[in-house]
N, C-alpha and C. Protein backbone atom coordinates (compact mmCIF):
# COMPACT_ATOMS: atom_id res chain seq x y z
N UNK A 1 -3.90 10.67 5.23
CA UNK A 1 -4.42 10.51 3.90
C UNK A 1 -4.59 11.53 3.25
N UNK A 2 -4.94 12.73 3.75
CA UNK A 2 -4.83 14.02 2.82
C UNK A 2 -3.67 14.41 2.25
N UNK A 3 -2.46 13.99 3.14
CA UNK A 3 -1.28 14.44 2.63
C UNK A 3 -0.76 13.43 1.35
N UNK A 4 -1.22 12.08 1.52
CA UNK A 4 -0.85 11.26 0.52
C UNK A 4 -1.59 11.47 -0.88
N UNK A 5 -2.84 11.75 -0.61
CA UNK A 5 -3.68 12.10 -1.68
C UNK A 5 -3.20 13.38 -2.41
N UNK A 6 -2.75 14.37 -1.57
CA UNK A 6 -2.08 15.68 -2.19
C UNK A 6 -0.98 15.41 -2.99
N UNK A 7 0.02 14.28 -2.35
CA UNK A 7 1.15 13.98 -3.22
C UNK A 7 0.63 13.36 -4.33
N UNK A 8 -0.16 12.51 -4.55
CA UNK A 8 -0.62 11.64 -5.71
C UNK A 8 -1.09 12.62 -6.65
N UNK A 9 -2.16 13.53 -6.35
CA UNK A 9 -2.82 14.47 -7.13
C UNK A 9 -1.50 15.33 -7.81
N UNK A 10 -0.59 15.85 -6.93
CA UNK A 10 0.44 16.67 -7.58
C UNK A 10 1.22 15.79 -8.64
N UNK A 11 1.57 14.45 -8.34
CA UNK A 11 2.34 13.71 -9.30
C UNK A 11 1.53 13.37 -10.64
N UNK A 12 0.29 13.62 -10.47
CA UNK A 12 -0.65 13.21 -11.55
C UNK A 12 -0.71 14.33 -12.60
N UNK A 13 -0.02 15.53 -12.10
CA UNK A 13 -0.13 16.59 -13.01
C UNK A 13 0.97 16.26 -14.36
N UNK A 14 1.72 15.30 -13.83
CA UNK A 14 2.77 14.93 -15.02
C UNK A 14 2.34 13.89 -15.99
N UNK A 15 2.42 14.07 -17.21
CA UNK A 15 1.94 13.09 -18.34
C UNK A 15 2.54 11.81 -18.22
N UNK A 16 3.77 11.79 -17.72
CA UNK A 16 4.26 10.46 -17.62
C UNK A 16 3.66 9.68 -16.44
N UNK A 17 3.27 10.39 -15.44
CA UNK A 17 2.67 9.66 -14.23
C UNK A 17 1.36 9.17 -14.71
N UNK A 18 0.59 10.10 -15.39
CA UNK A 18 -0.83 9.72 -15.80
C UNK A 18 -0.87 8.56 -16.71
N UNK A 19 0.30 8.43 -17.49
CA UNK A 19 0.58 7.30 -18.46
C UNK A 19 0.69 6.03 -17.56
N UNK A 20 1.54 6.23 -16.71
CA UNK A 20 2.01 4.94 -15.76
C UNK A 20 0.65 4.43 -15.13
N UNK A 21 -0.18 5.19 -14.81
CA UNK A 21 -1.55 4.93 -14.06
C UNK A 21 -2.65 4.31 -15.02
N UNK A 22 -2.82 5.00 -16.21
CA UNK A 22 -3.73 4.69 -17.10
C UNK A 22 -3.26 3.69 -18.41
N UNK A 23 -2.02 3.85 -18.72
CA UNK A 23 -1.48 3.05 -19.92
C UNK A 23 -1.61 3.85 -21.08
N UNK A 24 -2.07 5.10 -21.02
CA UNK A 24 -2.09 5.96 -22.07
C UNK A 24 -2.06 7.49 -21.63
N UNK A 25 -1.76 8.36 -22.26
CA UNK A 25 -1.60 9.77 -21.84
C UNK A 25 -2.92 10.63 -21.79
N UNK A 26 -3.98 9.80 -22.38
CA UNK A 26 -5.34 10.63 -22.33
C UNK A 26 -6.16 10.32 -21.17
N UNK A 27 -6.00 9.48 -20.46
CA UNK A 27 -6.73 9.17 -19.11
C UNK A 27 -6.47 10.30 -18.08
N UNK A 28 -7.46 10.42 -17.28
CA UNK A 28 -7.16 11.52 -16.39
C UNK A 28 -7.61 10.97 -15.00
N UNK A 29 -6.53 10.28 -14.19
CA UNK A 29 -6.69 9.72 -13.02
C UNK A 29 -6.81 10.85 -11.89
N UNK A 30 -6.43 12.04 -12.28
CA UNK A 30 -6.58 13.10 -11.13
C UNK A 30 -8.01 13.34 -10.93
N UNK A 31 -8.87 13.28 -11.95
CA UNK A 31 -10.18 13.60 -11.69
C UNK A 31 -10.78 12.56 -11.10
N UNK A 32 -10.54 11.22 -11.48
CA UNK A 32 -11.11 9.95 -10.76
C UNK A 32 -10.74 10.10 -9.14
N UNK A 33 -9.41 10.44 -8.74
CA UNK A 33 -8.98 10.49 -7.53
C UNK A 33 -9.81 11.48 -6.72
N UNK A 34 -9.88 12.81 -7.33
CA UNK A 34 -10.72 13.81 -6.84
C UNK A 34 -12.08 13.30 -6.56
N UNK A 35 -12.74 12.50 -7.63
CA UNK A 35 -14.08 12.07 -7.37
C UNK A 35 -14.00 11.19 -6.10
N UNK A 36 -13.13 10.19 -6.08
CA UNK A 36 -13.33 9.09 -5.10
C UNK A 36 -13.09 9.87 -3.81
N UNK A 37 -12.12 10.79 -3.68
CA UNK A 37 -11.89 11.41 -2.35
C UNK A 37 -13.23 12.36 -1.92
N UNK A 38 -13.58 13.04 -2.84
CA UNK A 38 -14.95 13.82 -2.56
C UNK A 38 -16.24 12.98 -2.12
N UNK A 39 -16.17 11.78 -2.81
CA UNK A 39 -17.29 10.78 -2.60
C UNK A 39 -16.98 9.75 -1.35
N UNK A 40 -15.78 10.13 -0.75
CA UNK A 40 -15.44 9.37 0.33
C UNK A 40 -15.55 7.80 0.24
N UNK A 41 -14.98 7.61 -0.94
CA UNK A 41 -14.99 6.11 -1.62
C UNK A 41 -13.71 5.44 -1.19
N UNK A 42 -12.92 5.62 0.13
CA UNK A 42 -11.99 4.98 0.72
C UNK A 42 -12.64 4.49 1.92
N UNK A 43 -12.46 3.16 2.21
CA UNK A 43 -13.02 2.47 3.35
C UNK A 43 -11.75 1.79 4.15
N UNK A 44 -12.11 1.44 5.42
CA UNK A 44 -11.01 0.88 6.05
C UNK A 44 -11.36 -0.83 6.28
N UNK A 45 -10.32 -1.55 6.00
CA UNK A 45 -10.49 -2.84 6.07
C UNK A 45 -9.67 -3.55 6.83
N UNK A 46 -10.04 -4.21 7.91
CA UNK A 46 -9.09 -4.77 9.02
C UNK A 46 -8.19 -5.80 8.68
N UNK A 47 -8.38 -6.45 7.52
CA UNK A 47 -7.51 -7.52 7.02
C UNK A 47 -6.10 -7.01 6.87
N UNK A 48 -5.21 -8.03 7.03
CA UNK A 48 -3.70 -7.60 7.00
C UNK A 48 -3.39 -8.29 5.66
N UNK A 49 -4.16 -8.61 4.85
CA UNK A 49 -3.71 -9.28 3.52
C UNK A 49 -2.95 -8.52 2.47
N UNK A 50 -3.22 -7.20 2.62
CA UNK A 50 -2.78 -6.23 1.73
C UNK A 50 -2.54 -4.70 2.51
N UNK A 51 -1.86 -3.95 1.79
CA UNK A 51 -1.78 -2.50 2.11
C UNK A 51 -2.98 -1.92 1.95
N UNK A 52 -3.56 -2.24 0.59
CA UNK A 52 -4.86 -1.61 -0.04
C UNK A 52 -5.22 -2.52 -0.95
N UNK A 53 -6.49 -2.60 -1.29
CA UNK A 53 -7.06 -3.37 -2.47
C UNK A 53 -8.26 -2.70 -2.96
N UNK A 54 -8.58 -3.05 -4.23
CA UNK A 54 -9.54 -2.50 -5.02
C UNK A 54 -10.40 -3.76 -5.61
N UNK A 55 -11.59 -3.75 -5.65
CA UNK A 55 -12.43 -4.72 -6.54
C UNK A 55 -12.10 -4.97 -7.81
N UNK A 56 -12.19 -6.01 -8.46
CA UNK A 56 -11.95 -6.17 -9.85
C UNK A 56 -13.35 -7.00 -10.52
N UNK A 57 -14.09 -6.37 -11.18
CA UNK A 57 -13.85 -4.89 -11.70
C UNK A 57 -14.50 -4.09 -10.80
N UNK A 58 -13.84 -2.79 -11.01
CA UNK A 58 -14.19 -1.74 -9.94
C UNK A 58 -15.20 -0.84 -10.88
N UNK A 59 -16.41 -0.52 -10.12
CA UNK A 59 -17.44 0.08 -10.30
C UNK A 59 -17.57 1.50 -9.97
N UNK A 60 -17.19 2.56 -10.53
CA UNK A 60 -17.11 3.84 -9.95
C UNK A 60 -18.35 4.28 -9.18
N UNK A 61 -19.52 3.82 -9.50
CA UNK A 61 -20.64 4.19 -8.78
C UNK A 61 -20.85 3.46 -7.50
N UNK A 62 -20.31 2.37 -7.21
CA UNK A 62 -20.55 1.59 -6.06
C UNK A 62 -19.09 1.11 -5.46
N UNK A 63 -18.18 1.07 -5.97
CA UNK A 63 -16.88 0.56 -5.44
C UNK A 63 -15.99 1.37 -4.47
N UNK A 64 -15.52 0.79 -3.62
CA UNK A 64 -14.46 1.63 -2.81
C UNK A 64 -13.03 1.00 -2.86
N UNK A 65 -12.03 1.88 -2.61
CA UNK A 65 -10.84 1.46 -2.42
C UNK A 65 -10.59 1.23 -0.86
N UNK A 66 -10.27 -0.04 -0.55
CA UNK A 66 -9.97 -0.31 0.86
C UNK A 66 -8.48 -0.16 1.30
N UNK A 67 -8.60 0.46 2.37
CA UNK A 67 -7.29 0.67 3.05
C UNK A 67 -7.10 -0.16 4.24
N UNK A 68 -6.10 -1.02 4.26
CA UNK A 68 -5.82 -1.90 5.44
C UNK A 68 -4.92 -1.32 6.38
N UNK A 69 -4.81 -1.85 7.63
CA UNK A 69 -4.06 -1.29 8.74
C UNK A 69 -2.45 -0.87 8.31
N UNK A 70 -1.79 -1.64 7.56
CA UNK A 70 -0.61 -1.16 7.07
C UNK A 70 -0.40 0.01 6.26
N UNK A 71 -1.65 0.40 5.52
CA UNK A 71 -1.47 1.68 4.93
C UNK A 71 -1.24 2.84 5.89
N UNK A 72 -1.65 2.80 7.13
CA UNK A 72 -1.64 3.82 8.08
C UNK A 72 -0.56 3.87 8.91
N UNK A 73 0.38 2.66 8.80
CA UNK A 73 1.50 2.49 9.60
C UNK A 73 2.79 3.10 8.86
N UNK A 74 3.78 3.54 9.56
CA UNK A 74 5.05 3.90 9.07
C UNK A 74 5.93 2.91 8.70
N UNK A 75 5.30 1.87 8.08
CA UNK A 75 6.10 0.65 7.59
C UNK A 75 6.94 0.79 6.53
N UNK A 76 8.38 0.34 6.92
CA UNK A 76 9.38 0.50 5.68
C UNK A 76 8.83 -0.33 4.28
N UNK A 77 8.11 -1.38 4.47
CA UNK A 77 7.56 -2.27 3.28
C UNK A 77 6.85 -1.29 2.51
N UNK A 78 5.94 -0.48 3.06
CA UNK A 78 4.86 0.29 2.26
C UNK A 78 5.69 1.37 1.59
N UNK A 79 7.04 1.60 1.76
CA UNK A 79 7.54 2.67 0.73
C UNK A 79 8.98 2.04 0.25
N UNK A 80 9.12 0.68 0.23
CA UNK A 80 10.42 0.43 -0.25
C UNK A 80 10.24 -0.08 -1.75
N UNK A 81 11.35 -0.14 -2.34
CA UNK A 81 11.44 -0.52 -3.61
C UNK A 81 12.86 -1.03 -3.95
N UNK A 82 13.27 -1.72 -4.96
CA UNK A 82 14.33 -2.13 -5.29
C UNK A 82 15.24 -1.51 -6.42
N UNK A 83 16.45 -1.50 -6.51
CA UNK A 83 17.16 -0.62 -7.50
C UNK A 83 17.33 -1.83 -8.56
N UNK A 84 17.64 -1.28 -9.78
CA UNK A 84 17.98 -2.37 -10.86
C UNK A 84 19.00 -3.25 -10.43
N UNK A 85 20.02 -3.10 -9.62
CA UNK A 85 20.88 -4.06 -9.07
C UNK A 85 20.37 -4.69 -7.81
N UNK A 86 19.01 -4.78 -7.52
CA UNK A 86 18.40 -5.50 -6.32
C UNK A 86 18.59 -5.14 -5.01
N UNK A 87 19.05 -3.71 -4.90
CA UNK A 87 19.23 -3.31 -3.54
C UNK A 87 18.09 -2.56 -2.96
N UNK A 88 17.69 -2.79 -1.91
CA UNK A 88 16.42 -2.13 -1.22
C UNK A 88 16.70 -0.68 -0.88
N UNK A 89 15.81 0.09 -1.43
CA UNK A 89 15.58 1.59 -0.92
C UNK A 89 14.41 1.85 -0.79
N UNK A 90 14.24 3.20 0.08
CA UNK A 90 12.95 3.70 0.49
C UNK A 90 12.56 5.05 -0.10
N UNK A 91 11.36 5.33 -0.35
CA UNK A 91 10.90 6.69 -0.77
C UNK A 91 11.06 7.47 0.68
N UNK A 92 11.08 8.89 0.36
CA UNK A 92 11.52 9.75 1.47
C UNK A 92 10.78 9.75 2.62
N UNK A 93 9.29 9.52 2.52
CA UNK A 93 8.36 9.42 3.54
C UNK A 93 7.47 8.38 3.46
N UNK A 94 6.58 8.27 4.64
CA UNK A 94 5.61 7.50 4.64
C UNK A 94 4.48 8.07 3.82
N UNK A 95 4.24 9.20 3.83
CA UNK A 95 3.27 9.92 2.86
C UNK A 95 3.52 9.48 1.16
N UNK A 96 4.79 9.58 0.99
CA UNK A 96 5.20 9.09 -0.43
C UNK A 96 4.75 7.70 -0.64
N UNK A 97 4.97 6.85 0.34
CA UNK A 97 4.73 5.46 0.16
C UNK A 97 3.12 5.26 0.13
N UNK A 98 2.40 6.03 0.91
CA UNK A 98 0.82 5.91 0.75
C UNK A 98 0.42 6.57 -0.78
N UNK A 99 1.01 7.50 -1.12
CA UNK A 99 0.72 8.12 -2.48
C UNK A 99 0.92 6.97 -3.57
N UNK A 100 2.17 6.21 -3.40
CA UNK A 100 2.48 5.26 -4.38
C UNK A 100 1.30 4.20 -4.14
N UNK A 101 0.90 3.82 -3.01
CA UNK A 101 -0.20 2.81 -2.87
C UNK A 101 -1.59 3.30 -3.57
N UNK A 102 -1.89 4.41 -3.28
CA UNK A 102 -3.09 5.32 -3.94
C UNK A 102 -2.98 5.01 -5.45
N UNK A 103 -1.84 5.51 -6.02
CA UNK A 103 -1.58 5.30 -7.59
C UNK A 103 -1.59 3.93 -7.93
N UNK A 104 -1.03 2.84 -7.10
CA UNK A 104 -0.98 1.62 -7.50
C UNK A 104 -2.63 1.00 -7.62
N UNK A 105 -3.37 1.49 -6.66
CA UNK A 105 -4.77 0.92 -6.65
C UNK A 105 -5.63 1.79 -7.80
N UNK A 106 -5.14 2.96 -8.24
CA UNK A 106 -5.88 3.70 -9.40
C UNK A 106 -5.38 2.76 -10.81
N UNK A 107 -4.37 2.31 -10.58
CA UNK A 107 -3.70 1.63 -11.83
C UNK A 107 -4.54 0.24 -12.02
N UNK A 108 -4.88 -0.57 -11.02
CA UNK A 108 -5.80 -1.52 -10.97
C UNK A 108 -7.17 -1.08 -11.68
N UNK A 109 -7.65 -0.02 -11.08
CA UNK A 109 -8.98 0.51 -11.80
C UNK A 109 -8.68 0.95 -13.22
N UNK A 110 -7.88 1.61 -13.74
CA UNK A 110 -7.67 1.88 -15.22
C UNK A 110 -7.33 0.70 -16.00
N UNK A 111 -6.43 -0.24 -15.46
CA UNK A 111 -6.06 -1.38 -16.36
C UNK A 111 -6.92 -2.56 -16.06
N UNK A 112 -7.94 -2.49 -15.16
CA UNK A 112 -8.98 -3.27 -14.78
C UNK A 112 -8.33 -4.80 -14.79
N UNK A 113 -7.34 -4.85 -14.07
CA UNK A 113 -6.56 -6.23 -13.97
C UNK A 113 -5.68 -6.28 -12.81
N UNK A 114 -4.98 -7.44 -12.74
CA UNK A 114 -4.09 -7.40 -11.61
C UNK A 114 -2.73 -7.78 -12.20
N UNK A 115 -1.80 -7.71 -11.27
CA UNK A 115 -0.46 -8.20 -11.55
C UNK A 115 -0.25 -9.70 -10.89
N UNK A 116 0.82 -10.25 -11.32
CA UNK A 116 0.88 -11.79 -10.69
C UNK A 116 0.88 -11.58 -9.35
N UNK A 117 0.19 -12.62 -8.77
CA UNK A 117 -0.23 -12.78 -7.30
C UNK A 117 1.15 -12.62 -6.46
N UNK A 118 0.91 -11.72 -5.49
CA UNK A 118 2.11 -11.57 -4.60
C UNK A 118 3.16 -10.64 -5.19
N UNK A 119 3.20 -10.16 -6.29
CA UNK A 119 4.29 -9.49 -7.09
C UNK A 119 3.76 -8.07 -7.46
N UNK A 120 3.79 -7.06 -6.62
CA UNK A 120 3.55 -5.82 -6.72
C UNK A 120 4.36 -5.13 -7.64
N UNK A 121 5.55 -5.61 -8.05
CA UNK A 121 6.55 -4.87 -8.52
C UNK A 121 6.47 -4.44 -9.98
N UNK A 122 5.73 -5.42 -10.89
CA UNK A 122 5.43 -4.80 -12.16
C UNK A 122 4.60 -3.45 -12.08
N UNK A 123 3.64 -3.23 -11.44
CA UNK A 123 2.85 -2.04 -11.23
C UNK A 123 3.79 -1.01 -10.72
N UNK A 124 4.39 -1.32 -9.53
CA UNK A 124 4.95 -0.25 -8.82
C UNK A 124 6.24 0.41 -9.59
N UNK A 125 6.94 -0.52 -10.25
CA UNK A 125 8.16 -0.19 -11.05
C UNK A 125 7.75 0.99 -12.06
N UNK A 126 6.56 0.72 -12.78
CA UNK A 126 6.09 1.73 -14.00
C UNK A 126 5.79 2.87 -13.20
N UNK A 127 5.05 2.98 -12.05
CA UNK A 127 4.58 4.10 -11.36
C UNK A 127 5.86 4.86 -10.58
N UNK A 128 6.84 4.10 -10.30
CA UNK A 128 8.06 4.64 -9.52
C UNK A 128 8.70 5.65 -10.72
N UNK A 129 8.76 4.87 -11.96
CA UNK A 129 9.53 5.73 -13.00
C UNK A 129 8.69 6.79 -13.58
N UNK A 130 7.50 6.61 -13.81
CA UNK A 130 6.62 7.67 -14.15
C UNK A 130 6.37 8.65 -13.42
N UNK A 131 6.16 8.59 -12.10
CA UNK A 131 5.66 9.45 -11.20
C UNK A 131 6.74 9.99 -10.32
N UNK A 132 7.66 9.12 -9.99
CA UNK A 132 8.78 9.58 -8.96
C UNK A 132 10.26 9.94 -9.70
N UNK A 133 10.20 9.36 -10.84
CA UNK A 133 11.44 9.48 -11.60
C UNK A 133 12.55 8.47 -10.99
N UNK A 134 11.91 7.30 -10.61
CA UNK A 134 12.95 6.37 -10.00
C UNK A 134 12.92 5.24 -10.95
N UNK A 135 14.24 4.86 -11.29
CA UNK A 135 14.39 3.50 -12.11
C UNK A 135 14.53 2.43 -10.91
N UNK A 136 13.66 1.48 -10.97
CA UNK A 136 13.48 0.49 -9.99
C UNK A 136 13.75 -0.92 -10.65
N UNK A 137 13.97 -1.84 -9.86
CA UNK A 137 14.11 -3.22 -10.50
C UNK A 137 13.37 -4.26 -9.51
N UNK A 138 13.95 -5.48 -9.49
CA UNK A 138 13.09 -6.67 -8.77
C UNK A 138 14.02 -7.12 -7.71
N UNK A 139 13.71 -7.77 -6.65
CA UNK A 139 14.43 -8.49 -5.72
C UNK A 139 15.26 -9.68 -6.48
N UNK A 140 16.32 -9.68 -5.97
CA UNK A 140 17.28 -10.82 -6.66
C UNK A 140 16.64 -12.12 -6.80
N UNK A 141 16.67 -12.56 -8.07
CA UNK A 141 16.00 -13.90 -8.59
C UNK A 141 14.57 -13.87 -9.07
N UNK A 142 13.96 -12.58 -9.14
CA UNK A 142 12.67 -12.43 -9.51
C UNK A 142 12.57 -11.35 -10.75
N UNK A 143 11.51 -11.43 -11.53
CA UNK A 143 11.27 -10.68 -12.53
C UNK A 143 9.66 -10.22 -12.53
N UNK A 144 9.22 -9.70 -13.68
CA UNK A 144 8.00 -9.15 -13.75
C UNK A 144 6.86 -10.23 -13.64
N UNK A 145 7.24 -11.33 -14.06
CA UNK A 145 6.11 -12.40 -13.86
C UNK A 145 6.25 -13.28 -12.59
N UNK A 146 7.05 -13.17 -11.78
CA UNK A 146 7.28 -14.02 -10.63
C UNK A 146 6.06 -13.82 -9.66
N UNK A 147 5.74 -14.85 -8.77
CA UNK A 147 4.42 -14.77 -7.86
C UNK A 147 4.97 -15.19 -6.65
N UNK A 148 4.26 -14.60 -5.68
CA UNK A 148 4.27 -14.93 -4.28
C UNK A 148 5.59 -14.57 -3.66
N UNK A 149 6.06 -13.49 -3.82
CA UNK A 149 7.32 -13.12 -3.38
C UNK A 149 7.36 -12.40 -2.03
N UNK A 150 6.10 -12.42 -1.29
CA UNK A 150 6.02 -12.04 0.14
C UNK A 150 5.79 -10.50 0.10
N UNK A 151 5.23 -9.89 -0.81
CA UNK A 151 4.83 -8.51 -0.60
C UNK A 151 3.34 -8.40 -0.32
N UNK A 152 3.00 -7.37 0.31
CA UNK A 152 1.53 -7.39 0.65
C UNK A 152 0.77 -6.24 -0.26
N UNK A 153 1.40 -5.47 -0.71
CA UNK A 153 0.48 -4.35 -1.54
C UNK A 153 -0.22 -5.07 -2.73
N UNK A 154 -1.51 -4.91 -2.59
CA UNK A 154 -2.32 -5.47 -3.61
C UNK A 154 -2.74 -4.42 -4.71
């Protein structure tokens, strides 16, 4: 967890990454992540319905980010993405995949909303571009508004 949080905090020093998380360059998700880490506002949820989840709406005073079993596994799904041509690729390490998941949950908080059900790609593709410098695409036959495509990161 500490390594993933460190990677996420490092990525958030980049204005493009902050914008991918917040929707504008003025938000400061690194301060929020630091606060959530210090306040121990991450909890474990035994459900396998997602890699991580965030209540909507998120209340900074009372809400936690829930981490599910797959967050802690070195699962390829937790760090995979698709190229614009639809080929599957993976981030370099499990810690980078967990950092992407943390950034994804921060995006839920800042955007105060959800992506299409079962389709994490609209959120993740913007985060991959802004934070990791990766041009990502969608699985063949799917796009930004597709639903229920079998992914579990919420």
